[in-house]
């Protein structure tokens, strides 16, 4: 069953951590793995590998509606975010982001501005996780801004950000715009001929490609100095040295093709599944709340707070469901979600929040089983906590 986890009877609802590998990606990767050749070599085997890379670049460009030459392959969105922020900041001026960004953006921004902390502006978000544009506009008018970095879709809540007014205001002030679109690509239509960002980061494994490969979109003509993290060769137009991961890139391209074919239908189907999950939880679990419910969200993401019930206890009580207590990149961290804290949630509520994320292979049975399991788990944990609290 597509929704099962590696043949086990587990409802997999952790697509924001990583999506199951699409069959099309697996098949393409197997073909690449069975071939030999460095994509930079000039002999026949090398040219064959380069052909696979070129085809994948075109497939991703088709998904994003951009030129293939505007795509730089990386090891994933974390590397792409690092490249984008470092290059943008090197232009000179203020670096602007938000308190609800992925840590791959926030920590990179803090690191590269460490010697000049006043050159970093972290914007607040409201209770639904939506950024207030007034401080951004004020910053753009008060001092030179090098780069504005705002994610298209939040990885914990799925809340969407309207970047059109951001791009307009930033470009009028001479600033560049970067977006971490890791959770957006392959889930909703994205047209880079319409969305006027200068840089965009993504990871293949969020839309059914392999882990360990991603890309950075750099719009042609963008005035941006190269700031490669890895040096030692002129790969990827000087942005990233190192032998290309041909099999991984091939899998990314195949996943991009598959996602593009199914995009519209999947968005509608997955939205309905998420709505069914949320409706059942709201009815059956007292006091549960959906974070970001009043803002536009990704089709398959719901962040649910079960007040007073530790998320780790809920997850432990429903082993038949693969979900998360926040960003998978921060799992095991002693501090609560910085995203939920930025949205004004208390530490206790942040610690009592479970993220369910759905995707292309999620089935109605997955949702039925996950709903029943979550309801039982919360009731069980509350019962145990009540019994423990009795004198």
Protein backbone atom coordinates (compact mmCIF):
# COMPACT_ATOMS: atom_id res chain seq x y z
CA UNK A 1 0.00 0.00 0.00
CA UNK A 2 1.45 3.38 -1.01
CA UNK A 3 0.70 4.99 2.35
CA UNK A 4 2.43 2.28 4.36
CA UNK A 5 5.95 2.74 5.69
CA UNK A 6 8.35 0.26 4.06
CA UNK A 7 5.82 -2.55 4.11
CA UNK A 8 4.76 -2.01 7.72
CA UNK A 9 1.26 -1.03 8.78
CA UNK A 10 2.21 2.54 9.65
CA UNK A 11 0.31 5.62 8.47
CA UNK A 12 3.08 7.89 7.24
CA UNK A 13 2.13 11.53 7.89
CA UNK A 14 5.54 13.19 8.05
CA UNK A 15 5.96 14.49 4.51
CA UNK A 16 7.41 17.80 5.72
CA UNK A 17 10.30 15.80 7.14
CA UNK A 18 10.69 13.72 3.98
CA UNK A 19 8.33 12.32 1.39
CA UNK A 20 8.42 8.69 0.27
CA UNK A 21 10.57 8.20 -2.80
CA UNK A 22 8.39 8.27 -5.91
CA UNK A 23 8.54 5.10 -8.05
CA UNK A 24 9.53 7.24 -11.04
CA UNK A 25 12.50 8.63 -9.11
CA UNK A 26 13.61 5.19 -7.95
CA UNK A 27 13.49 3.78 -11.47
CA UNK A 28 15.46 6.71 -12.90
CA UNK A 29 18.06 6.50 -10.15
CA UNK A 30 18.59 2.79 -10.64
CA UNK A 31 19.39 3.43 -14.29
CA UNK A 32 21.87 6.13 -13.34
CA UNK A 33 23.48 4.01 -10.61
CA UNK A 34 24.02 1.18 -13.06
CA UNK A 35 25.93 3.49 -15.38
CA UNK A 36 29.42 4.88 -14.94
CA UNK A 37 30.71 8.31 -15.80
CA UNK A 38 31.62 11.66 -14.31
CA UNK A 39 29.35 14.34 -15.74
CA UNK A 40 32.40 16.57 -16.21
CA UNK A 41 34.31 14.01 -18.30
CA UNK A 42 34.44 14.42 -22.07
CA UNK A 43 34.34 10.75 -23.06
CA UNK A 44 31.17 8.86 -23.96
CA UNK A 45 30.38 7.70 -20.41
CA UNK A 46 30.87 11.20 -19.09
CA UNK A 47 28.66 12.73 -21.78
CA UNK A 48 25.95 10.16 -20.99
CA UNK A 49 26.06 11.21 -17.32
CA UNK A 50 25.96 14.86 -18.34
CA UNK A 51 22.91 14.13 -20.49
CA UNK A 52 21.10 12.77 -17.43
CA UNK A 53 21.99 15.91 -15.47
CA UNK A 54 20.84 18.17 -18.29
CA UNK A 55 17.53 16.31 -18.55
CA UNK A 56 16.95 16.67 -14.81
CA UNK A 57 17.76 20.36 -14.96
CA UNK A 58 15.16 20.81 -17.72
CA UNK A 59 12.56 18.83 -15.76
CA UNK A 60 13.04 20.98 -12.66
CA UNK A 61 12.98 24.12 -14.81
CA UNK A 62 9.66 22.96 -16.28
CA UNK A 63 8.22 22.51 -12.78
CA UNK A 64 9.35 26.02 -11.76
CA UNK A 65 8.84 27.68 -15.16
CA UNK A 66 12.35 29.07 -15.35
CA UNK A 67 15.36 28.58 -17.60
CA UNK A 68 17.50 25.45 -17.01
CA UNK A 69 20.58 27.67 -16.79
CA UNK A 70 19.10 29.39 -13.73
CA UNK A 71 19.32 26.20 -11.66
CA UNK A 72 22.31 25.28 -9.50
CA UNK A 73 22.28 21.75 -8.07
CA UNK A 74 23.22 21.44 -4.38
CA UNK A 75 23.12 18.85 -1.61
CA UNK A 76 19.76 20.21 -0.48
CA UNK A 77 17.93 23.32 0.65
CA UNK A 78 20.22 23.92 3.63
CA UNK A 79 23.19 24.35 1.33
CA UNK A 80 21.10 26.38 -1.11
CA UNK A 81 19.97 28.69 1.73
CA UNK A 82 23.57 29.14 2.84
CA UNK A 83 24.68 29.99 -0.69
CA UNK A 84 21.85 32.45 -1.22
CA UNK A 85 22.24 34.31 2.07
CA UNK A 86 26.02 34.48 1.94
CA UNK A 87 26.02 35.77 -1.63
CA UNK A 88 23.22 38.23 -0.95
CA UNK A 89 24.80 39.60 2.21
CA UNK A 90 28.09 40.08 0.37
CA UNK A 91 26.40 42.84 -1.65
CA UNK A 92 26.54 45.00 1.46
CA UNK A 93 23.62 46.22 3.52
CA UNK A 94 20.98 44.83 5.84
CA UNK A 95 19.92 41.19 5.83
CA UNK A 96 16.20 40.80 6.59
CA UNK A 97 14.33 37.62 7.52
CA UNK A 98 11.59 36.51 9.94
CA UNK A 99 11.40 34.85 13.34
CA UNK A 100 9.47 31.91 11.85
CA UNK A 101 12.00 30.89 9.19
CA UNK A 102 13.64 27.49 9.09
CA UNK A 103 16.81 27.36 11.16
CA UNK A 104 18.79 26.82 7.96
CA UNK A 105 18.00 30.47 7.23
CA UNK A 106 17.98 31.93 10.75
CA UNK A 107 21.23 30.31 11.89
CA UNK A 108 22.97 31.13 8.61
CA UNK A 109 21.85 34.74 8.91
CA UNK A 110 23.08 34.95 12.50
CA UNK A 111 26.40 33.36 11.61
CA UNK A 112 27.25 35.60 8.66
CA UNK A 113 26.24 38.77 10.53
CA UNK A 114 27.92 37.78 13.81
CA UNK A 115 30.56 40.50 13.52
CA UNK A 116 27.94 43.09 12.64
CA UNK A 117 24.74 42.03 14.45
CA UNK A 118 23.07 45.35 13.67
CA UNK A 119 23.08 44.32 10.00
CA UNK A 120 20.48 41.60 10.69
CA UNK A 121 16.78 42.40 11.04
CA UNK A 122 14.46 39.58 12.15
CA UNK A 123 10.83 40.51 11.54
CA UNK A 124 8.02 39.35 13.86
CA UNK A 125 5.02 37.31 12.74
CA UNK A 126 1.45 37.45 13.98
CA UNK A 127 -0.49 34.71 15.79
CA UNK A 128 -1.14 32.95 12.48
CA UNK A 129 2.51 33.11 11.47
CA UNK A 130 2.04 35.84 8.86
CA UNK A 131 4.77 38.47 8.61
CA UNK A 132 3.93 42.12 9.15
CA UNK A 133 5.18 44.06 6.12
CA UNK A 134 5.31 47.46 7.84
CA UNK A 135 8.67 46.86 9.60
CA UNK A 136 10.07 45.56 6.30
CA UNK A 137 8.94 48.60 4.35
CA UNK A 138 10.32 50.85 7.09
CA UNK A 139 13.68 49.07 6.96
CA UNK A 140 13.81 49.38 3.17
CA UNK A 141 13.34 53.13 3.48
CA UNK A 142 15.69 53.68 6.43
CA UNK A 143 18.90 51.99 5.30
CA UNK A 144 20.31 49.92 2.41
CA UNK A 145 19.03 46.35 2.39
CA UNK A 146 21.09 43.66 0.68
CA UNK A 147 18.70 40.73 0.83
CA UNK A 148 15.24 39.86 2.11
CA UNK A 149 14.71 36.15 2.83
CA UNK A 150 11.14 34.93 3.50
CA UNK A 151 9.92 31.37 3.14
CA UNK A 152 6.99 30.64 0.83
CA UNK A 153 5.51 28.01 3.14
CA UNK A 154 6.33 27.38 6.76
CA UNK A 155 7.72 23.92 7.46
CA UNK A 156 5.90 23.52 10.80
CA UNK A 157 2.50 25.11 10.20
CA UNK A 158 2.23 25.16 6.40
CA UNK A 159 1.31 28.86 6.52
CA UNK A 160 1.82 30.55 3.14
CA UNK A 161 3.38 33.97 2.65
CA UNK A 162 2.35 36.31 -0.17
CA UNK A 163 5.70 37.34 -1.62
CA UNK A 164 4.43 39.60 -4.40
CA UNK A 165 4.27 42.77 -2.25
CA UNK A 166 7.58 41.81 -0.64
CA UNK A 167 9.30 41.53 -4.03
CA UNK A 168 7.80 44.82 -5.22
CA UNK A 169 8.89 46.78 -2.13
CA UNK A 170 12.34 45.16 -2.00
CA UNK A 171 13.13 45.66 -5.67
CA UNK A 172 11.99 49.28 -5.57
CA UNK A 173 14.58 49.79 -2.80
CA UNK A 174 17.33 47.93 -4.67
CA UNK A 175 17.23 44.82 -2.47
CA UNK A 176 17.18 41.21 -3.64
CA UNK A 177 14.63 38.62 -2.49
CA UNK A 178 15.32 35.00 -1.58
CA UNK A 179 12.71 32.43 -0.62
CA UNK A 180 13.10 29.06 1.02
CA UNK A 181 10.49 27.18 -1.00
CA UNK A 182 11.41 23.76 0.31
CA UNK A 183 7.90 22.83 1.44
CA UNK A 184 6.14 24.54 -1.47
CA UNK A 185 7.82 23.09 -4.55
CA UNK A 186 5.95 20.11 -5.97
CA UNK A 187 2.89 20.72 -3.79
CA UNK A 188 1.40 23.87 -5.28
CA UNK A 189 1.93 25.48 -8.69
CA UNK A 190 4.96 27.77 -8.76
CA UNK A 191 5.65 30.05 -11.71
CA UNK A 192 8.94 31.91 -11.54
CA UNK A 193 7.92 33.98 -14.53
CA UNK A 194 5.26 35.45 -12.23
CA UNK A 195 6.88 35.23 -8.77
CA UNK A 196 9.62 37.84 -9.00
CA UNK A 197 12.09 36.40 -6.47
CA UNK A 198 15.80 36.52 -7.27
CA UNK A 199 16.77 33.32 -5.49
CA UNK A 200 14.86 30.20 -4.43
CA UNK A 201 15.93 27.12 -2.47
CA UNK A 202 14.49 23.60 -2.61
CA UNK A 203 15.14 19.97 -1.64
CA UNK A 204 14.23 16.96 -3.77
CA UNK A 205 13.13 14.75 -0.88
CA UNK A 206 10.19 17.01 0.01
CA UNK A 207 8.38 16.16 -3.23
CA UNK A 208 9.35 12.52 -3.70
CA UNK A 209 12.95 12.73 -4.84
CA UNK A 210 15.96 11.35 -3.00
CA UNK A 211 17.52 12.84 0.11
CA UNK A 212 20.84 14.64 -0.24
CA UNK A 213 20.11 16.67 -3.38
CA UNK A 214 18.44 20.01 -4.00
CA UNK A 215 18.82 23.19 -5.96
CA UNK A 216 19.21 26.95 -5.85
CA UNK A 217 17.43 29.04 -8.45
CA UNK A 218 19.40 32.18 -9.35
CA UNK A 219 17.53 34.47 -11.71
CA UNK A 220 19.53 35.35 -14.80
CA UNK A 221 21.09 38.81 -14.56
CA UNK A 222 20.89 39.02 -10.77
CA UNK A 223 23.82 41.16 -9.52
CA UNK A 224 25.23 38.63 -7.11
CA UNK A 225 28.83 37.69 -6.23
CA UNK A 226 29.60 33.97 -5.99
CA UNK A 227 30.20 32.85 -2.42
CA UNK A 228 30.72 29.08 -2.81
CA UNK A 229 30.87 26.99 0.35
CA UNK A 230 32.99 24.41 -1.47
CA UNK A 231 35.90 25.39 -3.72
CA UNK A 232 38.09 23.29 -5.94
CA UNK A 233 36.48 23.35 -9.36
CA UNK A 234 34.19 25.28 -11.63
CA UNK A 235 31.16 23.02 -11.30
CA UNK A 236 27.68 24.52 -11.45
CA UNK A 237 28.90 27.77 -12.97
CA UNK A 238 31.30 28.34 -10.08
CA UNK A 239 28.66 28.12 -7.38
CA UNK A 240 29.55 24.67 -6.07
CA UNK A 241 32.71 22.62 -6.53
CA UNK A 242 32.56 18.83 -6.55
CA UNK A 243 31.58 15.90 -8.72
CA UNK A 244 27.90 16.02 -9.47
CA UNK A 245 25.60 13.51 -7.78
CA UNK A 246 24.30 12.14 -11.07
CA UNK A 247 21.97 9.52 -9.57
CA UNK A 248 20.52 11.94 -7.04
CA UNK A 249 20.04 14.69 -9.61
CA UNK A 250 18.42 12.18 -11.97
CA UNK A 251 15.99 11.19 -9.21
CA UNK A 252 15.22 14.86 -8.54
CA UNK A 253 14.38 15.37 -12.19
CA UNK A 254 12.10 12.34 -12.33
CA UNK A 255 10.30 13.43 -9.14
CA UNK A 256 9.86 16.93 -10.58
CA UNK A 257 8.29 15.46 -13.71
CA UNK A 258 5.92 13.27 -11.70
CA UNK A 259 4.96 16.10 -9.34
CA UNK A 260 4.23 18.42 -12.27
CA UNK A 261 1.86 15.91 -13.86
CA UNK A 262 -0.12 15.39 -10.65
CA UNK A 263 0.10 18.85 -9.08
CA UNK A 264 -3.43 20.20 -9.46
CA UNK A 265 -5.27 16.97 -8.62
CA UNK A 266 -3.04 16.16 -5.67
CA UNK A 267 -3.49 19.59 -4.09
CA UNK A 268 -7.27 19.18 -4.08
CA UNK A 269 -7.17 15.58 -2.86
CA UNK A 270 -4.67 16.22 -0.07
CA UNK A 271 -6.52 19.32 1.12
CA UNK A 272 -9.66 17.22 1.56
CA UNK A 273 -7.75 14.60 3.54
CA UNK A 274 -6.24 17.24 5.82
CA UNK A 275 -9.65 18.83 6.38
CA UNK A 276 -11.08 15.46 7.37
CA UNK A 277 -8.27 14.91 9.88
CA UNK A 278 -8.66 18.36 11.43
CA UNK A 279 -12.46 18.16 11.63
CA UNK A 280 -12.34 14.83 13.47
CA UNK A 281 -9.69 16.00 15.93
CA UNK A 282 -11.57 19.22 16.73
CA UNK A 283 -14.77 17.29 17.43
CA UNK A 284 -13.24 14.44 19.43
CA UNK A 285 -10.37 16.07 21.35
CA UNK A 286 -11.31 18.74 23.86
CA UNK A 287 -9.52 22.09 23.50
CA UNK A 288 -7.36 21.08 20.54
CA UNK A 289 -6.31 23.97 18.31
CA UNK A 290 -5.04 24.24 14.73
CA UNK A 291 -2.10 26.62 14.43
CA UNK A 292 -2.31 29.02 11.51
CA UNK A 293 -5.89 27.97 10.77
CA UNK A 294 -6.91 31.50 9.75
CA UNK A 295 -4.12 31.93 7.21
CA UNK A 296 -3.65 30.31 3.79
CA UNK A 297 -1.79 27.02 4.23
CA UNK A 298 -0.23 24.23 2.26
CA UNK A 299 -2.71 21.50 1.31
CA UNK A 300 -1.26 18.75 3.47
CA UNK A 301 0.03 20.36 6.66
CA UNK A 302 -1.66 20.74 10.02
CA UNK A 303 -0.05 21.80 13.28
CA UNK A 304 -2.27 20.69 16.16
CA UNK A 305 -1.88 21.76 19.77
CA UNK A 306 -3.28 19.42 22.44
CA UNK A 307 -3.09 21.70 25.52
CA UNK A 308 -1.43 20.12 28.52
CA UNK A 309 -0.48 16.94 26.68
CA UNK A 310 3.25 16.61 25.82
CA UNK A 311 3.69 15.95 22.11
CA UNK A 312 6.40 13.36 22.69
CA UNK A 313 4.01 11.37 24.88
CA UNK A 314 1.29 11.52 22.22
CA UNK A 315 3.71 10.34 19.52
CA UNK A 316 4.94 7.51 21.75
CA UNK A 317 1.34 6.44 22.37
CA UNK A 318 0.59 6.09 18.65
CA UNK A 319 3.49 4.11 17.14
CA UNK A 320 1.27 3.18 14.20
CA UNK A 321 1.44 6.82 13.00
CA UNK A 322 4.57 8.57 11.74
CA UNK A 323 4.15 12.24 12.64
CA UNK A 324 6.35 14.89 14.24
CA UNK A 325 6.51 17.25 17.18
CA UNK A 326 7.82 20.02 14.89
CA UNK A 327 10.63 20.37 12.41
CA UNK A 328 12.47 17.09 11.87
CA UNK A 329 15.68 19.12 11.65
CA UNK A 330 15.17 20.12 15.29
CA UNK A 331 13.96 16.79 16.69
CA UNK A 332 15.48 16.06 20.06
CA UNK A 333 16.22 19.73 20.69
CA UNK A 334 15.58 20.70 24.34
CA UNK A 335 13.88 23.97 23.43
CA UNK A 336 10.32 24.26 22.07
CA UNK A 337 9.51 25.25 18.51
CA UNK A 338 10.85 28.71 17.72
CA UNK A 339 8.13 29.02 15.07
CA UNK A 340 5.28 28.56 17.56
CA UNK A 341 6.96 30.84 20.09
CA UNK A 342 7.25 33.50 17.37
CA UNK A 343 3.50 33.10 16.80
CA UNK A 344 2.88 33.92 20.47
CA UNK A 345 2.28 30.41 21.74
CA UNK A 346 3.40 29.55 25.25
CA UNK A 347 6.26 27.13 25.82
CA UNK A 348 3.77 24.60 27.20
CA UNK A 349 1.58 24.84 24.11
CA UNK A 350 4.61 24.60 21.83
CA UNK A 351 5.64 21.42 23.66
CA UNK A 352 2.11 20.07 23.21
CA UNK A 353 1.96 20.44 19.43
CA UNK A 354 2.03 17.65 16.85
CA UNK A 355 2.59 18.23 13.14
CA UNK A 356 0.84 15.96 10.67
CA UNK A 357 1.98 16.39 7.07
CA UNK A 358 0.38 14.60 4.12
CA UNK A 359 1.43 14.11 0.54
CA UNK A 360 1.10 12.39 -2.80
CA UNK A 361 0.85 8.84 -1.44
CA UNK A 362 -1.40 9.56 1.57
CA UNK A 363 -4.64 7.58 1.46
CA UNK A 364 -8.04 7.83 3.13
CA UNK A 365 -7.13 4.77 5.16
CA UNK A 366 -4.01 6.55 6.43
CA UNK A 367 -6.16 9.44 7.64
CA UNK A 368 -8.77 7.16 9.24
CA UNK A 369 -6.11 5.21 11.12
CA UNK A 370 -4.15 8.31 12.11
CA UNK A 371 -7.27 10.09 13.34
CA UNK A 372 -8.35 7.18 15.53
CA UNK A 373 -4.83 6.68 16.84
CA UNK A 374 -4.34 10.36 17.69
CA UNK A 375 -7.67 10.60 19.51
CA UNK A 376 -6.90 7.47 21.53
CA UNK A 377 -3.34 8.63 22.24
CA UNK A 378 -4.37 12.03 23.59
CA UNK A 379 -7.09 10.51 25.75
CA UNK A 380 -4.67 7.88 27.06
CA UNK A 381 -1.95 10.40 27.94
CA UNK A 382 -4.47 12.69 29.65
CA UNK A 383 -5.81 9.74 31.64
CA UNK A 384 -2.33 8.71 32.75
CA UNK A 385 -1.41 12.28 33.67
CA UNK A 386 -4.63 12.68 35.67
CA UNK A 387 -4.02 9.42 37.54
CA UNK A 388 -0.44 10.40 38.30
CA UNK A 389 -1.53 13.80 39.60
CA UNK A 390 -3.97 12.27 42.12
CA UNK A 391 -2.77 12.41 45.76
